[in-house]
């Protein structure tokens, strides 16, 4: 199992705004979050998980945030850094999202064949 403690990402509604030219681009908030989250991933010693996975995302229970809006940035970060192969259904077999007490966001990833996989 891989466990990452990350800052809370921007909502998926704030990741890719449309610019004046009509093209979508990464938002300033998303770039700032990546600048903080990516070093955490780099410093985590892990072996990529090949094949199907289960991911549990736990977000700090605060304010009036909409839980499903935080999945994209967290899962895309795992794909971008090759923690998991992809987020297609052949690889991401189960996604669990929940509220928790820890600050920010916790990402836990299991191989579907791993003992203790939820």
PDB file of N, CA and C in Angstrom:
ATOM      1  N   UNK A   1       0.839  -1.178   0.000  1.00  0.00           N
ATOM      2  CA  UNK A   1       0.000   0.000   0.000  1.00  0.00           C
ATOM      3  C   UNK A   1       0.884   1.242   0.000  1.00  0.00           C
ATOM      4  N   UNK A   2       0.469   2.207  -0.768  1.00  0.00           N
ATOM      5  CA  UNK A   2       1.133   3.511  -0.800  1.00  0.00           C
ATOM      6  C   UNK A   2       0.216   4.507  -0.115  1.00  0.00           C
ATOM      7  N   UNK A   3       0.810   5.369   0.715  1.00  0.00           N
ATOM      8  CA  UNK A   3       0.028   6.394   1.421  1.00  0.00           C
ATOM      9  C   UNK A   3       0.702   7.741   1.233  1.00  0.00           C
ATOM     10  N   UNK A   4      -0.053   8.712   0.755  1.00  0.00           N
ATOM     11  CA  UNK A   4       0.448  10.070   0.561  1.00  0.00           C
ATOM     12  C   UNK A   4      -0.403  11.044   1.369  1.00  0.00           C
ATOM     13  N   UNK A   5       0.238  11.904   2.127  1.00  0.00           N
ATOM     14  CA  UNK A   5      -0.450  12.987   2.847  1.00  0.00           C
ATOM     15  C   UNK A   5      -0.182  14.255   2.041  1.00  0.00           C
ATOM     16  N   UNK A   6      -1.215  14.826   1.477  1.00  0.00           N
ATOM     17  CA  UNK A   6      -1.076  15.968   0.571  1.00  0.00           C
ATOM     18  C   UNK A   6      -1.944  17.127   1.028  1.00  0.00           C
ATOM     19  N   UNK A   7      -1.642  18.330   0.547  1.00  0.00           N
ATOM     20  CA  UNK A   7      -2.572  19.430   0.802  1.00  0.00           C
ATOM     21  C   UNK A   7      -3.849  19.201   0.002  1.00  0.00           C
ATOM     22  N   UNK A   8      -4.931  19.796   0.461  1.00  0.00           N
ATOM     23  CA  UNK A   8      -6.197  19.679  -0.264  1.00  0.00           C
ATOM     24  C   UNK A   8      -6.044  20.349  -1.629  1.00  0.00           C
ATOM     25  N   UNK A   9      -6.409  19.650  -2.709  1.00  0.00           N
ATOM     26  CA  UNK A   9      -6.285  20.257  -4.040  1.00  0.00           C
ATOM     27  C   UNK A   9      -7.408  21.237  -4.307  1.00  0.00           C
ATOM     28  N   UNK A  10      -7.258  22.022  -5.373  1.00  0.00           N
ATOM     29  CA  UNK A  10      -8.392  22.847  -5.783  1.00  0.00           C
ATOM     30  C   UNK A  10      -9.534  21.946  -6.274  1.00  0.00           C
ATOM     31  N   UNK A  11     -10.723  22.462  -6.223  1.00  0.00           N
ATOM     32  CA  UNK A  11     -11.886  21.751  -6.756  1.00  0.00           C
ATOM     33  C   UNK A  11     -11.700  21.527  -8.251  1.00  0.00           C
ATOM     34  N   UNK A  12     -12.273  20.457  -8.776  1.00  0.00           N
ATOM     35  CA  UNK A  12     -12.176  20.201 -10.220  1.00  0.00           C
ATOM     36  C   UNK A  12     -12.768  21.363 -11.020  1.00  0.00           C
ATOM     37  N   UNK A  13     -13.680  22.107 -10.416  1.00  0.00           N
ATOM     38  CA  UNK A  13     -14.256  23.290 -11.081  1.00  0.00           C
ATOM     39  C   UNK A  13     -13.223  24.403 -11.271  1.00  0.00           C
ATOM     40  N   UNK A  14     -12.103  24.321 -10.545  1.00  0.00           N
ATOM     41  CA  UNK A  14     -11.092  25.381 -10.592  1.00  0.00           C
ATOM     42  C   UNK A  14      -9.791  24.934 -11.252  1.00  0.00           C
ATOM     43  N   UNK A  15      -9.740  23.758 -11.860  1.00  0.00           N
ATOM     44  CA  UNK A  15      -8.479  23.244 -12.404  1.00  0.00           C
ATOM     45  C   UNK A  15      -8.133  23.822 -13.777  1.00  0.00           C
ATOM     46  N   UNK A  16      -9.102  23.880 -14.677  1.00  0.00           N
ATOM     47  CA  UNK A  16      -8.831  24.255 -16.066  1.00  0.00           C
ATOM     48  C   UNK A  16      -9.822  25.311 -16.559  1.00  0.00           C
ATOM     49  N   UNK A  17      -9.587  26.567 -16.220  1.00  0.00           N
ATOM     50  CA  UNK A  17     -10.489  27.609 -16.725  1.00  0.00           C
ATOM     51  C   UNK A  17     -10.264  27.851 -18.226  1.00  0.00           C
ATOM     52  N   UNK A  18     -11.252  28.444 -18.845  1.00  0.00           N
ATOM     53  CA  UNK A  18     -11.141  28.808 -20.261  1.00  0.00           C
ATOM     54  C   UNK A  18     -10.614  30.231 -20.338  1.00  0.00           C
ATOM     55  N   UNK A  19      -9.548  30.401 -21.100  1.00  0.00           N
ATOM     56  CA  UNK A  19      -8.934  31.713 -21.255  1.00  0.00           C
ATOM     57  C   UNK A  19      -9.681  32.591 -22.248  1.00  0.00           C
ATOM     58  N   UNK A  20      -9.207  33.805 -22.421  1.00  0.00           N
ATOM     59  CA  UNK A  20      -9.837  34.762 -23.337  1.00  0.00           C
ATOM     60  C   UNK A  20      -9.811  34.270 -24.777  1.00  0.00           C
ATOM     61  N   UNK A  21      -8.824  33.421 -25.098  1.00  0.00           N
ATOM     62  CA  UNK A  21      -8.708  32.884 -26.459  1.00  0.00           C
ATOM     63  C   UNK A  21      -9.577  31.641 -26.671  1.00  0.00           C
ATOM     64  N   UNK A  22     -10.340  31.263 -25.656  1.00  0.00           N
ATOM     65  CA  UNK A  22     -11.208  30.093 -25.767  1.00  0.00           C
ATOM     66  C   UNK A  22     -10.528  28.777 -25.447  1.00  0.00           C
ATOM     67  N   UNK A  23      -9.234  28.803 -25.162  1.00  0.00           N
ATOM     68  CA  UNK A  23      -8.474  27.586 -24.848  1.00  0.00           C
ATOM     69  C   UNK A  23      -8.474  27.370 -23.332  1.00  0.00           C
ATOM     70  N   UNK A  24      -8.525  26.099 -22.947  1.00  0.00           N
ATOM     71  CA  UNK A  24      -8.456  25.761 -21.517  1.00  0.00           C
ATOM     72  C   UNK A  24      -6.988  25.657 -21.112  1.00  0.00           C
ATOM     73  N   UNK A  25      -6.698  26.054 -19.885  1.00  0.00           N
ATOM     74  CA  UNK A  25      -5.330  26.010 -19.364  1.00  0.00           C
ATOM     75  C   UNK A  25      -5.377  25.693 -17.871  1.00  0.00           C
ATOM     76  N   UNK A  26      -4.214  25.246 -17.344  1.00  0.00           N
ATOM     77  CA  UNK A  26      -4.145  24.992 -15.893  1.00  0.00           C
ATOM     78  C   UNK A  26      -4.259  26.309 -15.151  1.00  0.00           C
ATOM     79  N   UNK A  27      -5.059  26.289 -14.115  1.00  0.00           N
ATOM     80  CA  UNK A  27      -5.275  27.502 -13.332  1.00  0.00           C
ATOM     81  C   UNK A  27      -4.067  27.795 -12.435  1.00  0.00           C
ATOM     82  N   UNK A  28      -4.003  29.023 -11.967  1.00  0.00           N
ATOM     83  CA  UNK A  28      -2.955  29.420 -11.028  1.00  0.00           C
ATOM     84  C   UNK A  28      -3.059  28.591  -9.750  1.00  0.00           C
ATOM     85  N   UNK A  29      -4.284  28.379  -9.256  1.00  0.00           N
ATOM     86  CA  UNK A  29      -4.488  27.584  -8.033  1.00  0.00           C
ATOM     87  C   UNK A  29      -3.992  26.153  -8.215  1.00  0.00           C
ATOM     88  N   UNK A  30      -4.243  25.571  -9.391  1.00  0.00           N
ATOM     89  CA  UNK A  30      -3.788  24.201  -9.673  1.00  0.00           C
ATOM     90  C   UNK A  30      -2.266  24.156  -9.732  1.00  0.00           C
ATOM     91  N   UNK A  31      -1.636  25.118 -10.385  1.00  0.00           N
ATOM     92  CA  UNK A  31      -0.170  25.164 -10.457  1.00  0.00           C
ATOM     93  C   UNK A  31       0.455  25.324  -9.074  1.00  0.00           C
ATOM     94  N   UNK A  32      -0.143  26.149  -8.242  1.00  0.00           N
ATOM     95  CA  UNK A  32       0.371  26.331  -6.877  1.00  0.00           C
ATOM     96  C   UNK A  32       0.253  25.022  -6.109  1.00  0.00           C
ATOM     97  N   UNK A  33      -0.902  24.358  -6.212  1.00  0.00           N
ATOM     98  CA  UNK A  33      -1.084  23.079  -5.515  1.00  0.00           C
ATOM     99  C   UNK A  33      -0.073  22.037  -6.002  1.00  0.00           C
ATOM    100  N   UNK A  34       0.122  21.943  -7.318  1.00  0.00           N
ATOM    101  CA  UNK A  34       1.109  20.994  -7.853  1.00  0.00           C
ATOM    102  C   UNK A  34       2.506  21.305  -7.321  1.00  0.00           C
ATOM    103  N   UNK A  35       2.822  22.590  -7.189  1.00  0.00           N
ATOM    104  CA  UNK A  35       4.133  22.986  -6.676  1.00  0.00           C
ATOM    105  C   UNK A  35       4.379  22.536  -5.243  1.00  0.00           C
ATOM    106  N   UNK A  36       3.321  22.351  -4.477  1.00  0.00           N
ATOM    107  CA  UNK A  36       3.430  21.862  -3.103  1.00  0.00           C
ATOM    108  C   UNK A  36       3.291  20.341  -3.047  1.00  0.00           C
ATOM    109  N   UNK A  37       2.357  19.789  -3.819  1.00  0.00           N
ATOM    110  CA  UNK A  37       2.070  18.349  -3.769  1.00  0.00           C
ATOM    111  C   UNK A  37       3.157  17.503  -4.426  1.00  0.00           C
ATOM    112  N   UNK A  38       3.702  17.946  -5.546  1.00  0.00           N
ATOM    113  CA  UNK A  38       4.676  17.126  -6.271  1.00  0.00           C
ATOM    114  C   UNK A  38       5.936  16.820  -5.458  1.00  0.00           C
ATOM    115  N   UNK A  39       6.518  17.777  -4.731  1.00  0.00           N
ATOM    116  CA  UNK A  39       7.686  17.418  -3.912  1.00  0.00           C
ATOM    117  C   UNK A  39       7.381  16.340  -2.873  1.00  0.00           C
ATOM    118  N   UNK A  40       6.161  16.318  -2.346  1.00  0.00           N
ATOM    119  CA  UNK A  40       5.765  15.267  -1.407  1.00  0.00           C
ATOM    120  C   UNK A  40       5.830  13.910  -2.095  1.00  0.00           C
ATOM    121  N   UNK A  41       5.354  13.839  -3.327  1.00  0.00           N
ATOM    122  CA  UNK A  41       5.404  12.587  -4.087  1.00  0.00           C
ATOM    123  C   UNK A  41       6.849  12.198  -4.350  1.00  0.00           C
ATOM    124  N   UNK A  42       7.684  13.155  -4.756  1.00  0.00           N
ATOM    125  CA  UNK A  42       9.091  12.859  -5.058  1.00  0.00           C
ATOM    126  C   UNK A  42       9.826  12.318  -3.841  1.00  0.00           C
ATOM    127  N   UNK A  43       9.479  12.832  -2.657  1.00  0.00           N
ATOM    128  CA  UNK A  43      10.177  12.417  -1.437  1.00  0.00           C
ATOM    129  C   UNK A  43       9.655  11.103  -0.869  1.00  0.00           C
ATOM    130  N   UNK A  44       8.514  10.656  -1.355  1.00  0.00           N
ATOM    131  CA  UNK A  44       7.945   9.392  -0.885  1.00  0.00           C
ATOM    132  C   UNK A  44       8.621   8.247  -1.618  1.00  0.00           C
ATOM    133  N   UNK A  45       9.184   7.334  -0.870  1.00  0.00           N
ATOM    134  CA  UNK A  45       9.836   6.170  -1.473  1.00  0.00           C
ATOM    135  C   UNK A  45       8.766   5.121  -1.754  1.00  0.00           C
ATOM    136  N   UNK A  46       8.493   4.873  -3.010  1.00  0.00           N
ATOM    137  CA  UNK A  46       7.472   3.895  -3.365  1.00  0.00           C
ATOM    138  C   UNK A  46       7.876   3.186  -4.640  1.00  0.00           C
ATOM    139  N   UNK A  47       7.337   2.013  -4.821  1.00  0.00           N
ATOM    140  CA  UNK A  47       7.433   1.308  -6.088  1.00  0.00           C
ATOM    141  C   UNK A  47       6.090   1.475  -6.772  1.00  0.00           C
ATOM    142  N   UNK A  48       6.074   1.830  -8.043  1.00  0.00           N
ATOM    143  CA  UNK A  48       4.789   1.964  -8.737  1.00  0.00           C
ATOM    144  C   UNK A  48       3.979   0.674  -8.629  1.00  0.00           C
ATOM    145  N   UNK A  49       2.688   0.818  -8.592  1.00  0.00           N
ATOM    146  CA  UNK A  49       1.805  -0.340  -8.514  1.00  0.00           C
ATOM    147  C   UNK A  49       1.329  -0.667  -9.925  1.00  0.00           C
ATOM    148  N   UNK A  50       1.724  -1.838 -10.415  1.00  0.00           N
ATOM    149  CA  UNK A  50       1.323  -2.276 -11.750  1.00  0.00           C
ATOM    150  C   UNK A  50      -0.027  -2.978 -11.674  1.00  0.00           C
ATOM    151  N   UNK A  51      -0.821  -2.774 -12.692  1.00  0.00           N
ATOM    152  CA  UNK A  51      -2.098  -3.471 -12.773  1.00  0.00           C
ATOM    153  C   UNK A  51      -3.194  -2.791 -11.990  1.00  0.00           C
ATOM    154  N   UNK A  52      -4.297  -3.498 -11.813  1.00  0.00           N
ATOM    155  CA  UNK A  52      -5.489  -2.925 -11.175  1.00  0.00           C
ATOM    156  C   UNK A  52      -5.249  -2.481  -9.734  1.00  0.00           C
ATOM    157  N   UNK A  53      -5.866  -1.334  -9.370  1.00  0.00           N
ATOM    158  CA  UNK A  53      -5.690  -0.763  -8.039  1.00  0.00           C
ATOM    159  C   UNK A  53      -7.025  -0.340  -7.440  1.00  0.00           C
ATOM    160  N   UNK A  54      -6.980  -0.152  -6.135  1.00  0.00           N
ATOM    161  CA  UNK A  54      -8.060   0.464  -5.371  1.00  0.00           C
ATOM    162  C   UNK A  54      -7.463   1.716  -4.738  1.00  0.00           C
ATOM    163  N   UNK A  55      -8.166   2.825  -4.834  1.00  0.00           N
ATOM    164  CA  UNK A  55      -7.700   4.082  -4.241  1.00  0.00           C
ATOM    165  C   UNK A  55      -8.738   4.566  -3.240  1.00  0.00           C
ATOM    166  N   UNK A  56      -8.247   4.952  -2.055  1.00  0.00           N
ATOM    167  CA  UNK A  56      -9.110   5.584  -1.059  1.00  0.00           C
ATOM    168  C   UNK A  56      -8.604   7.016  -0.868  1.00  0.00           C
ATOM    169  N   UNK A  57      -9.491   7.974  -1.065  1.00  0.00           N
ATOM    170  CA  UNK A  57      -9.182   9.389  -0.868  1.00  0.00           C
ATOM    171  C   UNK A  57      -9.931   9.862   0.369  1.00  0.00           C
ATOM    172  N   UNK A  58      -9.190  10.420   1.310  1.00  0.00           N
ATOM    173  CA  UNK A  58      -9.793  10.948   2.526  1.00  0.00           C
ATOM    174  C   UNK A  58      -9.479  12.438   2.586  1.00  0.00           C
ATOM    175  N   UNK A  59     -10.508  13.256   2.641  1.00  0.00           N
ATOM    176  CA  UNK A  59     -10.332  14.699   2.714  1.00  0.00           C
ATOM    177  C   UNK A  59     -10.760  15.215   4.069  1.00  0.00           C
ATOM    178  N   UNK A  60     -10.047  16.236   4.503  1.00  0.00           N
ATOM    179  CA  UNK A  60     -10.362  16.877   5.774  1.00  0.00           C
ATOM    180  C   UNK A  60     -11.802  17.378   5.746  1.00  0.00           C
ATOM    181  N   UNK A  61     -12.549  17.033   6.765  1.00  0.00           N
ATOM    182  CA  UNK A  61     -13.957  17.403   6.868  1.00  0.00           C
ATOM    183  C   UNK A  61     -14.045  18.850   7.326  1.00  0.00           C
ATOM    184  N   UNK A  62     -14.169  19.755   6.361  1.00  0.00           N
ATOM    185  CA  UNK A  62     -14.186  21.175   6.676  1.00  0.00           C
ATOM    186  C   UNK A  62     -15.085  21.937   5.715  1.00  0.00           C
ATOM    187  N   UNK A  63     -15.625  22.990   6.179  1.00  0.00           N
ATOM    188  CA  UNK A  63     -16.378  23.896   5.320  1.00  0.00           C
ATOM    189  C   UNK A  63     -17.497  23.240   4.549  1.00  0.00           C
ATOM    190  N   UNK A  64     -17.758  23.800   3.368  1.00  0.00           N
ATOM    191  CA  UNK A  64     -18.876  23.344   2.551  1.00  0.00           C
ATOM    192  C   UNK A  64     -18.379  22.755   1.238  1.00  0.00           C
ATOM    193  N   UNK A  65     -17.289  22.022   1.264  1.00  0.00           N
ATOM    194  CA  UNK A  65     -16.748  21.484   0.025  1.00  0.00           C
ATOM    195  C   UNK A  65     -17.557  20.280  -0.448  1.00  0.00           C
ATOM    196  N   UNK A  66     -17.534  20.065  -1.745  1.00  0.00           N
ATOM    197  CA  UNK A  66     -18.250  18.975  -2.395  1.00  0.00           C
ATOM    198  C   UNK A  66     -17.239  17.856  -2.653  1.00  0.00           C
ATOM    199  N   UNK A  67     -17.295  16.791  -1.896  1.00  0.00           N
ATOM    200  CA  UNK A  67     -16.304  15.713  -1.909  1.00  0.00           C
ATOM    201  C   UNK A  67     -15.906  15.233  -3.305  1.00  0.00           C
ATOM    202  N   UNK A  68     -16.841  14.924  -4.211  1.00  0.00           N
ATOM    203  CA  UNK A  68     -16.430  14.389  -5.520  1.00  0.00           C
ATOM    204  C   UNK A  68     -15.598  15.354  -6.368  1.00  0.00           C
ATOM    205  N   UNK A  69     -15.650  16.645  -6.080  1.00  0.00           N
ATOM    206  CA  UNK A  69     -14.896  17.614  -6.879  1.00  0.00           C
ATOM    207  C   UNK A  69     -13.388  17.579  -6.629  1.00  0.00           C
ATOM    208  N   UNK A  70     -12.911  16.733  -5.739  1.00  0.00           N
ATOM    209  CA  UNK A  70     -11.488  16.717  -5.396  1.00  0.00           C
ATOM    210  C   UNK A  70     -10.771  15.474  -5.908  1.00  0.00           C
ATOM    211  N   UNK A  71     -11.485  14.587  -6.553  1.00  0.00           N
ATOM    212  CA  UNK A  71     -10.889  13.338  -7.049  1.00  0.00           C
ATOM    213  C   UNK A  71      -9.909  13.577  -8.190  1.00  0.00           C
ATOM    214  N   UNK A  72     -10.260  14.401  -9.152  1.00  0.00           N
ATOM    215  CA  UNK A  72      -9.484  14.531 -10.385  1.00  0.00           C
ATOM    216  C   UNK A  72      -8.030  14.920 -10.138  1.00  0.00           C
ATOM    217  N   UNK A  73      -7.788  15.964  -9.388  1.00  0.00           N
ATOM    218  CA  UNK A  73      -6.416  16.420  -9.166  1.00  0.00           C
ATOM    219  C   UNK A  73      -5.588  15.348  -8.449  1.00  0.00           C
ATOM    220  N   UNK A  74      -6.190  14.675  -7.477  1.00  0.00           N
ATOM    221  CA  UNK A  74      -5.453  13.669  -6.701  1.00  0.00           C
ATOM    222  C   UNK A  74      -5.117  12.438  -7.536  1.00  0.00           C
ATOM    223  N   UNK A  75      -6.086  11.931  -8.283  1.00  0.00           N
ATOM    224  CA  UNK A  75      -5.833  10.742  -9.106  1.00  0.00           C
ATOM    225  C   UNK A  75      -4.908  11.093 -10.266  1.00  0.00           C
ATOM    226  N   UNK A  76      -5.109  12.251 -10.894  1.00  0.00           N
ATOM    227  CA  UNK A  76      -4.216  12.659 -11.989  1.00  0.00           C
ATOM    228  C   UNK A  76      -2.774  12.794 -11.518  1.00  0.00           C
ATOM    229  N   UNK A  77      -2.564  13.254 -10.298  1.00  0.00           N
ATOM    230  CA  UNK A  77      -1.210  13.342  -9.746  1.00  0.00           C
ATOM    231  C   UNK A  77      -0.574  11.952  -9.657  1.00  0.00           C
ATOM    232  N   UNK A  78      -1.349  10.953  -9.258  1.00  0.00           N
ATOM    233  CA  UNK A  78      -0.836   9.576  -9.155  1.00  0.00           C
ATOM    234  C   UNK A  78      -0.467   9.022 -10.523  1.00  0.00           C
ATOM    235  N   UNK A  79      -1.243   9.351 -11.539  1.00  0.00           N
ATOM    236  CA  UNK A  79      -0.935   8.900 -12.904  1.00  0.00           C
ATOM    237  C   UNK A  79       0.289   9.653 -13.426  1.00  0.00           C
ATOM    238  N   UNK A  80       0.306  10.946 -13.231  1.00  0.00           N
ATOM    239  CA  UNK A  80       1.405  11.792 -13.721  1.00  0.00           C
ATOM    240  C   UNK A  80       2.767  11.334 -13.199  1.00  0.00           C
ATOM    241  N   UNK A  81       2.788  10.870 -11.955  1.00  0.00           N
ATOM    242  CA  UNK A  81       4.046  10.436 -11.336  1.00  0.00           C
ATOM    243  C   UNK A  81       4.216   8.923 -11.362  1.00  0.00           C
ATOM    244  N   UNK A  82       3.399   8.275 -12.179  1.00  0.00           N
ATOM    245  CA  UNK A  82       3.529   6.839 -12.436  1.00  0.00           C
ATOM    246  C   UNK A  82       3.412   5.968 -11.187  1.00  0.00           C
ATOM    247  N   UNK A  83       2.659   6.464 -10.201  1.00  0.00           N
ATOM    248  CA  UNK A  83       2.352   5.636  -9.034  1.00  0.00           C
ATOM    249  C   UNK A  83       1.402   4.534  -9.479  1.00  0.00           C
ATOM    250  N   UNK A  84       0.460   4.909 -10.345  1.00  0.00           N
ATOM    251  CA  UNK A  84      -0.416   3.925 -10.984  1.00  0.00           C
ATOM    252  C   UNK A  84      -0.265   4.106 -12.493  1.00  0.00           C
ATOM    253  N   UNK A  85      -0.606   3.068 -13.245  1.00  0.00           N
ATOM    254  CA  UNK A  85      -0.423   3.096 -14.695  1.00  0.00           C
ATOM    255  C   UNK A  85      -1.357   4.078 -15.391  1.00  0.00           C
ATOM    256  N   UNK A  86      -2.594   4.132 -14.943  1.00  0.00           N
ATOM    257  CA  UNK A  86      -3.600   4.945 -15.613  1.00  0.00           C
ATOM    258  C   UNK A  86      -4.814   5.056 -14.696  1.00  0.00           C
ATOM    259  N   UNK A  87      -5.768   5.895 -15.085  1.00  0.00           N
ATOM    260  CA  UNK A  87      -7.008   5.960 -14.318  1.00  0.00           C
ATOM    261  C   UNK A  87      -8.182   5.393 -15.101  1.00  0.00           C
ATOM    262  N   UNK A  88      -7.875   4.657 -16.166  1.00  0.00           N
ATOM    263  CA  UNK A  88      -8.923   3.970 -16.926  1.00  0.00           C
ATOM    264  C   UNK A  88      -9.481   2.825 -16.102  1.00  0.00           C
ATOM    265  N   UNK A  89     -10.654   2.363 -16.469  1.00  0.00           N
ATOM    266  CA  UNK A  89     -11.333   1.362 -15.648  1.00  0.00           C
ATOM    267  C   UNK A  89     -10.603   0.039 -15.543  1.00  0.00           C
ATOM    268  N   UNK A  90      -9.754  -0.293 -16.502  1.00  0.00           N
ATOM    269  CA  UNK A  90      -8.974  -1.531 -16.401  1.00  0.00           C
ATOM    270  C   UNK A  90      -7.956  -1.453 -15.262  1.00  0.00           C
ATOM    271  N   UNK A  91      -7.548  -0.251 -14.892  1.00  0.00           N
ATOM    272  CA  UNK A  91      -6.546  -0.055 -13.832  1.00  0.00           C
ATOM    273  C   UNK A  91      -7.209   0.407 -12.542  1.00  0.00           C
ATOM    274  N   UNK A  92      -7.943   1.486 -12.577  1.00  0.00           N
ATOM    275  CA  UNK A  92      -8.613   1.998 -11.371  1.00  0.00           C
ATOM    276  C   UNK A  92      -9.933   1.252 -11.204  1.00  0.00           C
ATOM    277  N   UNK A  93      -9.901   0.201 -10.406  1.00  0.00           N
ATOM    278  CA  UNK A  93     -11.047  -0.691 -10.263  1.00  0.00           C
ATOM    279  C   UNK A  93     -12.032  -0.246  -9.192  1.00  0.00           C
ATOM    280  N   UNK A  94     -11.549   0.533  -8.228  1.00  0.00           N
ATOM    281  CA  UNK A  94     -12.444   0.984  -7.156  1.00  0.00           C
ATOM    282  C   UNK A  94     -11.891   2.289  -6.598  1.00  0.00           C
ATOM    283  N   UNK A  95     -12.787   3.237  -6.374  1.00  0.00           N
ATOM    284  CA  UNK A  95     -12.420   4.526  -5.805  1.00  0.00           C
ATOM    285  C   UNK A  95     -13.325   4.764  -4.612  1.00  0.00           C
ATOM    286  N   UNK A  96     -12.704   4.944  -3.455  1.00  0.00           N
ATOM    287  CA  UNK A  96     -13.435   5.210  -2.216  1.00  0.00           C
ATOM    288  C   UNK A  96     -13.118   6.654  -1.813  1.00  0.00           C
ATOM    289  N   UNK A  97     -14.154   7.431  -1.549  1.00  0.00           N
ATOM    290  CA  UNK A  97     -13.950   8.808  -1.084  1.00  0.00           C
ATOM    291  C   UNK A  97     -14.670   8.973   0.237  1.00  0.00           C
ATOM    292  N   UNK A  98     -13.982   9.644   1.168  1.00  0.00           N
ATOM    293  CA  UNK A  98     -14.576   9.815   2.494  1.00  0.00           C
ATOM    294  C   UNK A  98     -14.025  11.068   3.161  1.00  0.00           C
ATOM    295  N   UNK A  99     -14.746  11.503   4.178  1.00  0.00           N
ATOM    296  CA  UNK A  99     -14.287  12.599   5.023  1.00  0.00           C
ATOM    297  C   UNK A  99     -13.419  12.033   6.133  1.00  0.00           C
ATOM    298  N   UNK A 100     -12.482  12.829   6.613  1.00  0.00           N
ATOM    299  CA  UNK A 100     -11.632  12.392   7.709  1.00  0.00           C
ATOM    300  C   UNK A 100     -11.182  13.547   8.569  1.00  0.00           C
ATOM    301  N   UNK A 101     -10.362  13.238   9.551  1.00  0.00           N
ATOM    302  CA  UNK A 101      -9.898  14.246  10.508  1.00  0.00           C
ATOM    303  C   UNK A 101      -8.510  14.787  10.177  1.00  0.00           C
ATOM    304  N   UNK A 102      -7.741  14.063   9.350  1.00  0.00           N
ATOM    305  CA  UNK A 102      -6.393  14.519   9.024  1.00  0.00           C
ATOM    306  C   UNK A 102      -6.448  15.751   8.136  1.00  0.00           C
ATOM    307  N   UNK A 103      -5.442  16.595   8.260  1.00  0.00           N
ATOM    308  CA  UNK A 103      -5.378  17.826   7.485  1.00  0.00           C
ATOM    309  C   UNK A 103      -5.136  17.537   6.008  1.00  0.00           C
ATOM    310  N   UNK A 104      -5.812  18.270   5.138  1.00  0.00           N
ATOM    311  CA  UNK A 104      -5.588  18.142   3.702  1.00  0.00           C
ATOM    312  C   UNK A 104      -6.249  16.914   3.126  1.00  0.00           C
ATOM    313  N   UNK A 105      -5.456  16.158   2.366  1.00  0.00           N
ATOM    314  CA  UNK A 105      -5.969  14.972   1.680  1.00  0.00           C
ATOM    315  C   UNK A 105      -5.006  13.809   1.881  1.00  0.00           C
ATOM    316  N   UNK A 106      -5.558  12.632   2.105  1.00  0.00           N
ATOM    317  CA  UNK A 106      -4.763  11.413   2.218  1.00  0.00           C
ATOM    318  C   UNK A 106      -5.150  10.511   1.047  1.00  0.00           C
ATOM    319  N   UNK A 107      -4.138  10.050   0.316  1.00  0.00           N
ATOM    320  CA  UNK A 107      -4.340   9.141  -0.806  1.00  0.00           C
ATOM    321  C   UNK A 107      -3.719   7.810  -0.425  1.00  0.00           C
ATOM    322  N   UNK A 108      -4.524   6.749  -0.441  1.00  0.00           N
ATOM    323  CA  UNK A 108      -4.037   5.401  -0.153  1.00  0.00           C
ATOM    324  C   UNK A 108      -4.328   4.537  -1.370  1.00  0.00           C
ATOM    325  N   UNK A 109      -3.319   3.772  -1.803  1.00  0.00           N
ATOM    326  CA  UNK A 109      -3.447   2.976  -3.019  1.00  0.00           C
ATOM    327  C   UNK A 109      -3.011   1.551  -2.737  1.00  0.00           C
ATOM    328  N   UNK A 110      -3.841   0.605  -3.148  1.00  0.00           N
ATOM    329  CA  UNK A 110      -3.533  -0.819  -3.002  1.00  0.00           C
ATOM    330  C   UNK A 110      -3.613  -1.485  -4.367  1.00  0.00           C
ATOM    331  N   UNK A 111      -2.788  -2.493  -4.595  1.00  0.00           N
ATOM    332  CA  UNK A 111      -3.003  -3.412  -5.701  1.00  0.00           C
ATOM    333  C   UNK A 111      -4.233  -4.237  -5.338  1.00  0.00           C
ATOM    334  N   UNK A 112      -5.069  -4.579  -6.299  1.00  0.00           N
ATOM    335  CA  UNK A 112      -6.262  -5.359  -5.980  1.00  0.00           C
ATOM    336  C   UNK A 112      -5.909  -6.745  -5.457  1.00  0.00           C
ATOM    337  N   UNK A 113      -4.683  -7.198  -5.691  1.00  0.00           N
ATOM    338  CA  UNK A 113      -4.263  -8.504  -5.210  1.00  0.00           C
ATOM    339  C   UNK A 113      -3.600  -8.438  -3.833  1.00  0.00           C
ATOM    340  N   UNK A 114      -3.387  -7.222  -3.336  1.00  0.00           N
ATOM    341  CA  UNK A 114      -2.678  -7.022  -2.072  1.00  0.00           C
ATOM    342  C   UNK A 114      -3.550  -7.404  -0.875  1.00  0.00           C
ATOM    343  N   UNK A 115      -2.939  -8.052   0.065  1.00  0.00           N
ATOM    344  CA  UNK A 115      -3.647  -8.404   1.283  1.00  0.00           C
ATOM    345  C   UNK A 115      -4.065  -7.139   2.027  1.00  0.00           C
ATOM    346  N   UNK A 116      -5.267  -7.090   2.516  1.00  0.00           N
ATOM    347  CA  UNK A 116      -5.763  -5.931   3.230  1.00  0.00           C
ATOM    348  C   UNK A 116      -6.392  -4.893   2.325  1.00  0.00           C
ATOM    349  N   UNK A 117      -6.459  -5.171   1.038  1.00  0.00           N
ATOM    350  CA  UNK A 117      -7.065  -4.237   0.092  1.00  0.00           C
ATOM    351  C   UNK A 117      -8.560  -4.110   0.416  1.00  0.00           C
ATOM    352  N   UNK A 118      -9.045  -2.860   0.532  1.00  0.00           N
ATOM    353  CA  UNK A 118     -10.473  -2.685   0.866  1.00  0.00           C
ATOM    354  C   UNK A 118     -11.388  -3.066  -0.294  1.00  0.00           C
TER     355      UNK A 118
END
